[in-house]
PDB file of N, CA and C in Angstrom:
ATOM      1  N   UNK A   1     -64.777 145.118-156.836  1.00  0.00           N
ATOM      2  CA  UNK A   1     -64.069 143.952-157.322  1.00  0.00           C
ATOM      3  C   UNK A   1     -62.856 143.656-156.445  1.00  0.00           C
ATOM      4  N   UNK A   2     -62.202 144.698-155.963  1.00  0.00           N
ATOM      5  CA  UNK A   2     -61.037 144.530-155.109  1.00  0.00           C
ATOM      6  C   UNK A   2     -61.373 143.832-153.800  1.00  0.00           C
ATOM      7  N   UNK A   3     -62.550 144.122-153.253  1.00  0.00           N
ATOM      8  CA  UNK A   3     -62.920 143.490-151.987  1.00  0.00           C
ATOM      9  C   UNK A   3     -63.228 142.016-152.170  1.00  0.00           C
ATOM     10  N   UNK A   4     -63.646 141.608-153.376  1.00  0.00           N
ATOM     11  CA  UNK A   4     -63.895 140.185-153.632  1.00  0.00           C
ATOM     12  C   UNK A   4     -62.565 139.425-153.623  1.00  0.00           C
ATOM     13  N   UNK A   5     -61.549 139.989-154.243  1.00  0.00           N
ATOM     14  CA  UNK A   5     -60.231 139.365-154.235  1.00  0.00           C
ATOM     15  C   UNK A   5     -59.707 139.288-152.807  1.00  0.00           C
ATOM     16  N   UNK A   6     -59.889 140.359-152.053  1.00  0.00           N
ATOM     17  CA  UNK A   6     -59.481 140.373-150.647  1.00  0.00           C
ATOM     18  C   UNK A   6     -60.218 139.279-149.879  1.00  0.00           C
ATOM     19  N   UNK A   7     -61.516 139.145-150.123  1.00  0.00           N
ATOM     20  CA  UNK A   7     -62.317 138.136-149.432  1.00  0.00           C
ATOM     21  C   UNK A   7     -61.825 136.734-149.762  1.00  0.00           C
ATOM     22  N   UNK A   8     -61.477 136.492-151.008  1.00  0.00           N
ATOM     23  CA  UNK A   8     -60.983 135.180-151.413  1.00  0.00           C
ATOM     24  C   UNK A   8     -59.670 134.864-150.706  1.00  0.00           C
ATOM     25  N   UNK A   9     -58.789 135.846-150.620  1.00  0.00           N
ATOM     26  CA  UNK A   9     -57.505 135.648-149.937  1.00  0.00           C
ATOM     27  C   UNK A   9     -57.733 135.346-148.464  1.00  0.00           C
ATOM     28  N   UNK A  10     -58.618 136.117-147.830  1.00  0.00           N
ATOM     29  CA  UNK A  10     -58.918 135.891-146.415  1.00  0.00           C
ATOM     30  C   UNK A  10     -59.498 134.495-146.214  1.00  0.00           C
ATOM     31  N   UNK A  11     -60.392 134.083-147.094  1.00  0.00           N
ATOM     32  CA  UNK A  11     -61.004 132.762-146.976  1.00  0.00           C
ATOM     33  C   UNK A  11     -59.975 131.653-147.130  1.00  0.00           C
ATOM     34  N   UNK A  12     -59.036 131.834-148.037  1.00  0.00           N
ATOM     35  CA  UNK A  12     -57.989 130.832-148.218  1.00  0.00           C
ATOM     36  C   UNK A  12     -57.148 130.701-146.951  1.00  0.00           C
ATOM     37  N   UNK A  13     -56.823 131.830-146.340  1.00  0.00           N
ATOM     38  CA  UNK A  13     -56.046 131.807-145.098  1.00  0.00           C
ATOM     39  C   UNK A  13     -56.833 131.122-143.992  1.00  0.00           C
ATOM     40  N   UNK A  14     -58.111 131.440-143.876  1.00  0.00           N
ATOM     41  CA  UNK A  14     -58.955 130.824-142.850  1.00  0.00           C
ATOM     42  C   UNK A  14     -59.041 129.317-143.064  1.00  0.00           C
ATOM     43  N   UNK A  15     -59.209 128.903-144.324  1.00  0.00           N
ATOM     44  CA  UNK A  15     -59.345 127.473-144.620  1.00  0.00           C
ATOM     45  C   UNK A  15     -58.114 126.690-144.185  1.00  0.00           C
ATOM     46  N   UNK A  16     -56.933 127.259-144.358  1.00  0.00           N
ATOM     47  CA  UNK A  16     -55.704 126.570-143.969  1.00  0.00           C
ATOM     48  C   UNK A  16     -55.433 126.677-142.467  1.00  0.00           C
ATOM     49  N   UNK A  17     -55.949 127.710-141.827  1.00  0.00           N
ATOM     50  CA  UNK A  17     -55.612 127.955-140.428  1.00  0.00           C
ATOM     51  C   UNK A  17     -56.523 127.245-139.438  1.00  0.00           C
ATOM     52  N   UNK A  18     -57.733 126.912-139.855  1.00  0.00           N
ATOM     53  CA  UNK A  18     -58.717 126.377-138.908  1.00  0.00           C
ATOM     54  C   UNK A  18     -58.755 124.854-138.978  1.00  0.00           C
ATOM     55  N   UNK A  19     -58.613 124.232-137.831  1.00  0.00           N
ATOM     56  CA  UNK A  19     -58.692 122.774-137.756  1.00  0.00           C
ATOM     57  C   UNK A  19     -60.111 122.402-137.336  1.00  0.00           C
ATOM     58  N   UNK A  20     -60.695 121.465-138.052  1.00  0.00           N
ATOM     59  CA  UNK A  20     -62.070 121.058-137.773  1.00  0.00           C
ATOM     60  C   UNK A  20     -62.153 120.232-136.492  1.00  0.00           C
ATOM     61  N   UNK A  21     -63.227 120.430-135.752  1.00  0.00           N
ATOM     62  CA  UNK A  21     -63.492 119.671-134.529  1.00  0.00           C
ATOM     63  C   UNK A  21     -64.224 118.385-134.910  1.00  0.00           C
ATOM     64  N   UNK A  22     -63.902 117.301-134.263  1.00  0.00           N
ATOM     65  CA  UNK A  22     -64.538 116.016-134.575  1.00  0.00           C
ATOM     66  C   UNK A  22     -66.038 116.116-134.349  1.00  0.00           C
ATOM     67  N   UNK A  23     -66.835 115.605-135.288  1.00  0.00           N
ATOM     68  CA  UNK A  23     -68.297 115.665-135.165  1.00  0.00           C
ATOM     69  C   UNK A  23     -68.843 114.645-134.166  1.00  0.00           C
ATOM     70  N   UNK A  24     -70.074 114.884-133.719  1.00  0.00           N
ATOM     71  CA  UNK A  24     -70.748 113.969-132.803  1.00  0.00           C
ATOM     72  C   UNK A  24     -71.413 112.851-133.601  1.00  0.00           C
ATOM     73  N   UNK A  25     -71.537 111.687-132.985  1.00  0.00           N
ATOM     74  CA  UNK A  25     -72.179 110.536-133.626  1.00  0.00           C
ATOM     75  C   UNK A  25     -73.677 110.801-133.830  1.00  0.00           C
ATOM     76  N   UNK A  26     -74.203 110.359-134.970  1.00  0.00           N
ATOM     77  CA  UNK A  26     -75.640 110.481-135.237  1.00  0.00           C
ATOM     78  C   UNK A  26     -76.379 109.349-134.528  1.00  0.00           C
ATOM     79  N   UNK A  27     -75.863 108.145-134.650  1.00  0.00           N
ATOM     80  CA  UNK A  27     -76.487 106.987-134.018  1.00  0.00           C
ATOM     81  C   UNK A  27     -75.434 105.921-133.777  1.00  0.00           C
ATOM     82  N   UNK A  28     -75.763 104.949-132.957  1.00  0.00           N
ATOM     83  CA  UNK A  28     -74.796 103.904-132.611  1.00  0.00           C
ATOM     84  C   UNK A  28     -74.359 103.087-133.815  1.00  0.00           C
ATOM     85  N   UNK A  29     -75.267 102.794-134.749  1.00  0.00           N
ATOM     86  CA  UNK A  29     -74.959 101.943-135.893  1.00  0.00           C
ATOM     87  C   UNK A  29     -74.686 102.739-137.165  1.00  0.00           C
ATOM     88  N   UNK A  30     -74.506 104.011-137.048  1.00  0.00           N
ATOM     89  CA  UNK A  30     -74.328 104.866-138.217  1.00  0.00           C
ATOM     90  C   UNK A  30     -72.862 104.982-138.613  1.00  0.00           C
ATOM     91  N   UNK A  31     -72.634 105.099-139.895  1.00  0.00           N
ATOM     92  CA  UNK A  31     -71.291 105.376-140.409  1.00  0.00           C
ATOM     93  C   UNK A  31     -71.049 106.872-140.541  1.00  0.00           C
ATOM     94  N   UNK A  32     -72.017 107.669-140.150  1.00  0.00           N
ATOM     95  CA  UNK A  32     -71.932 109.108-140.311  1.00  0.00           C
ATOM     96  C   UNK A  32     -72.146 109.809-138.981  1.00  0.00           C
ATOM     97  N   UNK A  33     -71.669 111.020-138.925  1.00  0.00           N
ATOM     98  CA  UNK A  33     -71.843 111.822-137.722  1.00  0.00           C
ATOM     99  C   UNK A  33     -72.205 113.243-138.120  1.00  0.00           C
ATOM    100  N   UNK A  34     -72.962 113.903-137.267  1.00  0.00           N
ATOM    101  CA  UNK A  34     -73.388 115.288-137.502  1.00  0.00           C
ATOM    102  C   UNK A  34     -72.219 116.230-137.227  1.00  0.00           C
ATOM    103  N   UNK A  35     -72.016 117.158-138.136  1.00  0.00           N
ATOM    104  CA  UNK A  35     -70.955 118.152-137.945  1.00  0.00           C
ATOM    105  C   UNK A  35     -71.486 119.276-137.063  1.00  0.00           C
ATOM    106  N   UNK A  36     -70.743 119.602-136.038  1.00  0.00           N
ATOM    107  CA  UNK A  36     -71.086 120.741-135.199  1.00  0.00           C
ATOM    108  C   UNK A  36     -70.346 121.996-135.647  1.00  0.00           C
ATOM    109  N   UNK A  37     -69.476 121.833-136.630  1.00  0.00           N
ATOM    110  CA  UNK A  37     -68.633 122.951-137.055  1.00  0.00           C
ATOM    111  C   UNK A  37     -68.832 123.279-138.532  1.00  0.00           C
ATOM    112  N   UNK A  38     -70.080 123.336-138.962  1.00  0.00           N
ATOM    113  CA  UNK A  38     -70.348 123.649-140.377  1.00  0.00           C
ATOM    114  C   UNK A  38     -69.624 124.924-140.771  1.00  0.00           C
ATOM    115  N   UNK A  39     -69.737 125.930-139.951  1.00  0.00           N
ATOM    116  CA  UNK A  39     -68.948 127.154-140.118  1.00  0.00           C
ATOM    117  C   UNK A  39     -68.177 127.374-138.819  1.00  0.00           C
ATOM    118  N   UNK A  40     -66.902 127.671-138.955  1.00  0.00           N
ATOM    119  CA  UNK A  40     -66.129 128.010-137.764  1.00  0.00           C
ATOM    120  C   UNK A  40     -66.598 129.377-137.259  1.00  0.00           C
ATOM    121  N   UNK A  41     -66.162 129.760-136.091  1.00  0.00           N
ATOM    122  CA  UNK A  41     -66.534 131.084-135.567  1.00  0.00           C
ATOM    123  C   UNK A  41     -66.054 132.186-136.500  1.00  0.00           C
ATOM    124  N   UNK A  42     -64.847 132.045-137.032  1.00  0.00           N
ATOM    125  CA  UNK A  42     -64.317 133.056-137.956  1.00  0.00           C
ATOM    126  C   UNK A  42     -65.119 133.088-139.255  1.00  0.00           C
ATOM    127  N   UNK A  43     -65.467 131.910-139.799  1.00  0.00           N
ATOM    128  CA  UNK A  43     -66.270 131.855-141.023  1.00  0.00           C
ATOM    129  C   UNK A  43     -67.653 132.448-140.790  1.00  0.00           C
ATOM    130  N   UNK A  44     -68.255 132.122-139.663  1.00  0.00           N
ATOM    131  CA  UNK A  44     -69.592 132.649-139.350  1.00  0.00           C
ATOM    132  C   UNK A  44     -69.555 134.161-139.228  1.00  0.00           C
ATOM    133  N   UNK A  45     -68.516 134.676-138.598  1.00  0.00           N
ATOM    134  CA  UNK A  45     -68.352 136.115-138.459  1.00  0.00           C
ATOM    135  C   UNK A  45     -68.182 136.769-139.827  1.00  0.00           C
ATOM    136  N   UNK A  46     -67.331 136.179-140.656  1.00  0.00           N
ATOM    137  CA  UNK A  46     -67.088 136.736-141.988  1.00  0.00           C
ATOM    138  C   UNK A  46     -68.341 136.648-142.854  1.00  0.00           C
ATOM    139  N   UNK A  47     -69.120 135.567-142.694  1.00  0.00           N
ATOM    140  CA  UNK A  47     -70.389 135.420-143.417  1.00  0.00           C
ATOM    141  C   UNK A  47     -71.307 136.600-143.107  1.00  0.00           C
ATOM    142  N   UNK A  48     -71.383 136.972-141.829  1.00  0.00           N
ATOM    143  CA  UNK A  48     -72.195 138.125-141.441  1.00  0.00           C
ATOM    144  C   UNK A  48     -71.677 139.414-142.049  1.00  0.00           C
ATOM    145  N   UNK A  49     -70.362 139.577-142.093  1.00  0.00           N
ATOM    146  CA  UNK A  49     -69.763 140.770-142.708  1.00  0.00           C
ATOM    147  C   UNK A  49     -70.104 140.822-144.193  1.00  0.00           C
ATOM    148  N   UNK A  50     -69.994 139.677-144.879  1.00  0.00           N
ATOM    149  CA  UNK A  50     -70.331 139.638-146.309  1.00  0.00           C
ATOM    150  C   UNK A  50     -71.797 139.976-146.539  1.00  0.00           C
ATOM    151  N   UNK A  51     -72.683 139.408-145.722  1.00  0.00           N
ATOM    152  CA  UNK A  51     -74.113 139.691-145.870  1.00  0.00           C
ATOM    153  C   UNK A  51     -74.394 141.175-145.662  1.00  0.00           C
ATOM    154  N   UNK A  52     -73.758 141.771-144.669  1.00  0.00           N
ATOM    155  CA  UNK A  52     -73.938 143.209-144.433  1.00  0.00           C
ATOM    156  C   UNK A  52     -73.401 144.031-145.607  1.00  0.00           C
ATOM    157  N   UNK A  53     -72.274 143.590-146.179  1.00  0.00           N
ATOM    158  CA  UNK A  53     -71.645 144.334-147.268  1.00  0.00           C
ATOM    159  C   UNK A  53     -72.493 144.328-148.536  1.00  0.00           C
ATOM    160  N   UNK A  54     -73.097 143.199-148.855  1.00  0.00           N
ATOM    161  CA  UNK A  54     -73.878 143.118-150.094  1.00  0.00           C
ATOM    162  C   UNK A  54     -75.318 143.570-149.886  1.00  0.00           C
ATOM    163  N   UNK A  55     -75.767 143.590-148.647  1.00  0.00           N
ATOM    164  CA  UNK A  55     -77.131 143.971-148.275  1.00  0.00           C
ATOM    165  C   UNK A  55     -78.139 143.244-149.151  1.00  0.00           C
ATOM    166  N   UNK A  56     -78.998 143.958-149.850  1.00  0.00           N
ATOM    167  CA  UNK A  56     -80.003 143.303-150.688  1.00  0.00           C
ATOM    168  C   UNK A  56     -79.609 143.313-152.166  1.00  0.00           C
ATOM    169  N   UNK A  57     -78.367 143.671-152.459  1.00  0.00           N
ATOM    170  CA  UNK A  57     -77.904 143.741-153.854  1.00  0.00           C
ATOM    171  C   UNK A  57     -77.433 142.397-154.388  1.00  0.00           C
ATOM    172  N   UNK A  58     -77.106 141.464-153.505  1.00  0.00           N
ATOM    173  CA  UNK A  58     -76.585 140.163-153.915  1.00  0.00           C
ATOM    174  C   UNK A  58     -76.930 139.123-152.854  1.00  0.00           C
ATOM    175  N   UNK A  59     -76.616 137.874-153.164  1.00  0.00           N
ATOM    176  CA  UNK A  59     -76.838 136.769-152.243  1.00  0.00           C
ATOM    177  C   UNK A  59     -75.492 136.154-151.879  1.00  0.00           C
ATOM    178  N   UNK A  60     -75.353 135.728-150.636  1.00  0.00           N
ATOM    179  CA  UNK A  60     -74.126 135.075-150.184  1.00  0.00           C
ATOM    180  C   UNK A  60     -74.474 133.632-149.841  1.00  0.00           C
ATOM    181  N   UNK A  61     -73.752 132.693-150.441  1.00  0.00           N
ATOM    182  CA  UNK A  61     -73.925 131.275-150.162  1.00  0.00           C
ATOM    183  C   UNK A  61     -72.636 130.752-149.545  1.00  0.00           C
ATOM    184  N   UNK A  62     -72.754 129.787-148.651  1.00  0.00           N
ATOM    185  CA  UNK A  62     -71.550 129.242-148.029  1.00  0.00           C
ATOM    186  C   UNK A  62     -71.415 127.751-148.321  1.00  0.00           C
ATOM    187  N   UNK A  63     -70.163 127.296-148.291  1.00  0.00           N
ATOM    188  CA  UNK A  63     -69.791 125.893-148.496  1.00  0.00           C
ATOM    189  C   UNK A  63     -70.338 125.357-149.822  1.00  0.00           C
ATOM    190  N   UNK A  64     -69.939 125.960-150.907  1.00  0.00           N
ATOM    191  CA  UNK A  64     -70.415 125.593-152.240  1.00  0.00           C
ATOM    192  C   UNK A  64     -69.335 124.769-152.945  1.00  0.00           C
ATOM    193  N   UNK A  65     -69.725 123.637-153.528  1.00  0.00           N
ATOM    194  CA  UNK A  65     -68.773 122.816-154.291  1.00  0.00           C
ATOM    195  C   UNK A  65     -68.316 123.570-155.533  1.00  0.00           C
ATOM    196  N   UNK A  66     -67.039 123.458-155.853  1.00  0.00           N
ATOM    197  CA  UNK A  66     -66.512 124.095-157.057  1.00  0.00           C
ATOM    198  C   UNK A  66     -67.224 123.529-158.289  1.00  0.00           C
ATOM    199  N   UNK A  67     -67.559 122.232-158.257  1.00  0.00           N
ATOM    200  CA  UNK A  67     -68.259 121.606-159.378  1.00  0.00           C
ATOM    201  C   UNK A  67     -69.678 122.149-159.553  1.00  0.00           C
ATOM    202  N   UNK A  68     -70.207 122.844-158.550  1.00  0.00           N
ATOM    203  CA  UNK A  68     -71.514 123.480-158.687  1.00  0.00           C
ATOM    204  C   UNK A  68     -71.381 124.892-159.258  1.00  0.00           C
ATOM    205  N   UNK A  69     -70.160 125.403-159.319  1.00  0.00           N
ATOM    206  CA  UNK A  69     -69.910 126.739-159.858  1.00  0.00           C
ATOM    207  C   UNK A  69     -69.354 126.655-161.273  1.00  0.00           C
ATOM    208  N   UNK A  70     -68.483 125.696-161.496  1.00  0.00           N
ATOM    209  CA  UNK A  70     -67.834 125.501-162.795  1.00  0.00           C
ATOM    210  C   UNK A  70     -68.253 124.177-163.400  1.00  0.00           C
ATOM    211  N   UNK A  71     -68.161 124.072-164.712  1.00  0.00           N
ATOM    212  CA  UNK A  71     -68.367 122.785-165.359  1.00  0.00           C
ATOM    213  C   UNK A  71     -67.250 122.566-166.363  1.00  0.00           C
ATOM    214  N   UNK A  72     -67.026 121.310-166.689  1.00  0.00           N
ATOM    215  CA  UNK A  72     -65.986 120.950-167.642  1.00  0.00           C
ATOM    216  C   UNK A  72     -66.525 121.210-169.041  1.00  0.00           C
ATOM    217  N   UNK A  73     -65.731 121.889-169.850  1.00  0.00           N
ATOM    218  CA  UNK A  73     -66.139 122.200-171.219  1.00  0.00           C
ATOM    219  C   UNK A  73     -66.382 120.930-172.018  1.00  0.00           C
ATOM    220  N   UNK A  74     -67.323 121.001-172.938  1.00  0.00           N
ATOM    221  CA  UNK A  74     -67.576 119.854-173.808  1.00  0.00           C
ATOM    222  C   UNK A  74     -66.471 119.778-174.856  1.00  0.00           C
ATOM    223  N   UNK A  75     -66.387 118.649-175.517  1.00  0.00           N
ATOM    224  CA  UNK A  75     -65.390 118.475-176.564  1.00  0.00           C
ATOM    225  C   UNK A  75     -64.144 117.743-176.102  1.00  0.00           C
ATOM    226  N   UNK A  76     -64.041 117.450-174.812  1.00  0.00           N
ATOM    227  CA  UNK A  76     -62.896 116.696-174.312  1.00  0.00           C
ATOM    228  C   UNK A  76     -63.171 115.201-174.436  1.00  0.00           C
ATOM    229  N   UNK A  77     -62.111 114.431-174.547  1.00  0.00           N
ATOM    230  CA  UNK A  77     -62.271 112.976-174.538  1.00  0.00           C
ATOM    231  C   UNK A  77     -62.734 112.563-173.147  1.00  0.00           C
ATOM    232  N   UNK A  78     -63.364 111.399-173.063  1.00  0.00           N
ATOM    233  CA  UNK A  78     -63.952 110.954-171.799  1.00  0.00           C
ATOM    234  C   UNK A  78     -62.936 110.951-170.663  1.00  0.00           C
ATOM    235  N   UNK A  79     -61.742 110.429-170.905  1.00  0.00           N
ATOM    236  CA  UNK A  79     -60.715 110.377-169.870  1.00  0.00           C
ATOM    237  C   UNK A  79     -60.289 111.765-169.414  1.00  0.00           C
ATOM    238  N   UNK A  80     -60.113 112.678-170.361  1.00  0.00           N
ATOM    239  CA  UNK A  80     -59.738 114.053-170.027  1.00  0.00           C
ATOM    240  C   UNK A  80     -60.853 114.741-169.256  1.00  0.00           C
ATOM    241  N   UNK A  81     -62.085 114.482-169.695  1.00  0.00           N
ATOM    242  CA  UNK A  81     -63.246 115.088-169.035  1.00  0.00           C
ATOM    243  C   UNK A  81     -63.333 114.637-167.578  1.00  0.00           C
ATOM    244  N   UNK A  82     -63.183 113.327-167.322  1.00  0.00           N
ATOM    245  CA  UNK A  82     -63.249 112.813-165.959  1.00  0.00           C
ATOM    246  C   UNK A  82     -62.091 113.346-165.114  1.00  0.00           C
ATOM    247  N   UNK A  83     -60.901 113.424-165.702  1.00  0.00           N
ATOM    248  CA  UNK A  83     -59.744 113.943-164.982  1.00  0.00           C
ATOM    249  C   UNK A  83     -59.985 115.398-164.574  1.00  0.00           C
ATOM    250  N   UNK A  84     -60.514 116.185-165.507  1.00  0.00           N
ATOM    251  CA  UNK A  84     -60.805 117.590-165.216  1.00  0.00           C
ATOM    252  C   UNK A  84     -61.891 117.712-164.148  1.00  0.00           C
ATOM    253  N   UNK A  85     -62.938 116.895-164.254  1.00  0.00           N
ATOM    254  CA  UNK A  85     -64.022 116.946-163.272  1.00  0.00           C
ATOM    255  C   UNK A  85     -63.529 116.528-161.886  1.00  0.00           C
ATOM    256  N   UNK A  86     -62.719 115.478-161.828  1.00  0.00           N
ATOM    257  CA  UNK A  86     -62.224 114.987-160.543  1.00  0.00           C
ATOM    258  C   UNK A  86     -61.381 116.023-159.817  1.00  0.00           C
ATOM    259  N   UNK A  87     -60.736 116.924-160.564  1.00  0.00           N
ATOM    260  CA  UNK A  87     -59.940 117.979-159.923  1.00  0.00           C
ATOM    261  C   UNK A  87     -60.804 118.961-159.142  1.00  0.00           C
ATOM    262  N   UNK A  88     -62.066 119.111-159.530  1.00  0.00           N
ATOM    263  CA  UNK A  88     -62.938 120.088-158.861  1.00  0.00           C
ATOM    264  C   UNK A  88     -64.065 119.441-158.064  1.00  0.00           C
ATOM    265  N   UNK A  89     -64.300 118.154-158.243  1.00  0.00           N
ATOM    266  CA  UNK A  89     -65.477 117.492-157.672  1.00  0.00           C
ATOM    267  C   UNK A  89     -65.527 117.534-156.148  1.00  0.00           C
ATOM    268  N   UNK A  90     -64.395 117.384-155.477  1.00  0.00           N
ATOM    269  CA  UNK A  90     -64.395 117.286-154.020  1.00  0.00           C
ATOM    270  C   UNK A  90     -63.862 118.545-153.357  1.00  0.00           C
ATOM    271  N   UNK A  91     -63.787 119.621-154.092  1.00  0.00           N
ATOM    272  CA  UNK A  91     -63.311 120.875-153.519  1.00  0.00           C
ATOM    273  C   UNK A  91     -64.497 121.817-153.332  1.00  0.00           C
ATOM    274  N   UNK A  92     -64.364 122.720-152.387  1.00  0.00           N
ATOM    275  CA  UNK A  92     -65.425 123.703-152.173  1.00  0.00           C
ATOM    276  C   UNK A  92     -64.800 125.061-151.861  1.00  0.00           C
ATOM    277  N   UNK A  93     -65.619 126.071-151.995  1.00  0.00           N
ATOM    278  CA  UNK A  93     -65.229 127.413-151.571  1.00  0.00           C
ATOM    279  C   UNK A  93     -66.094 127.757-150.361  1.00  0.00           C
ATOM    280  N   UNK A  94     -65.544 128.559-149.482  1.00  0.00           N
ATOM    281  CA  UNK A  94     -66.288 128.900-148.276  1.00  0.00           C
ATOM    282  C   UNK A  94     -67.493 129.775-148.588  1.00  0.00           C
ATOM    283  N   UNK A  95     -67.326 130.754-149.478  1.00  0.00           N
ATOM    284  CA  UNK A  95     -68.422 131.675-149.800  1.00  0.00           C
ATOM    285  C   UNK A  95     -68.463 131.991-151.280  1.00  0.00           C
ATOM    286  N   UNK A  96     -69.671 132.166-151.779  1.00  0.00           N
ATOM    287  CA  UNK A  96     -69.907 132.613-153.163  1.00  0.00           C
ATOM    288  C   UNK A  96     -70.875 133.778-153.082  1.00  0.00           C
ATOM    289  N   UNK A  97     -70.538 134.842-153.779  1.00  0.00           N
ATOM    290  CA  UNK A  97     -71.427 136.012-153.849  1.00  0.00           C
ATOM    291  C   UNK A  97     -72.021 136.052-155.248  1.00  0.00           C
ATOM    292  N   UNK A  98     -73.352 136.056-155.313  1.00  0.00           N
ATOM    293  CA  UNK A  98     -74.056 136.039-156.584  1.00  0.00           C
ATOM    294  C   UNK A  98     -75.009 137.228-156.677  1.00  0.00           C
ATOM    295  N   UNK A  99     -75.154 137.739-157.903  1.00  0.00           N
ATOM    296  CA  UNK A  99     -76.191 138.741-158.111  1.00  0.00           C
ATOM    297  C   UNK A  99     -77.534 138.033-158.004  1.00  0.00           C
ATOM    298  N   UNK A 100     -78.566 138.776-157.672  1.00  0.00           N
ATOM    299  CA  UNK A 100     -79.883 138.159-157.492  1.00  0.00           C
ATOM    300  C   UNK A 100     -80.458 137.630-158.792  1.00  0.00           C
ATOM    301  N   UNK A 101     -80.049 138.190-159.889  1.00  0.00           N
ATOM    302  CA  UNK A 101     -80.574 137.701-161.180  1.00  0.00           C
ATOM    303  C   UNK A 101     -79.712 136.590-161.726  1.00  0.00           C
TER     304      UNK A 101
END
């Protein structure tokens, strides 16, 4: 459990320290471009360390939306529910470690 907290702290530091490189254009008329930096070199290295650490006991996923991990509790008024969801909708975590079951 201690190494998970350590991993989260390291990931937070990496997220603030690494500046993303501008992506390449997909097409001349496109509003979107392909990212060449899905994982930075440091993130890719750490991903390999995490995979080695969990071996076949767990799964490691990268770039997961917080809204895919958490959900807003029911029973809130519509405005409160949307406000709570909007706080997590556009955020992500670099890595999630899950048990296989």
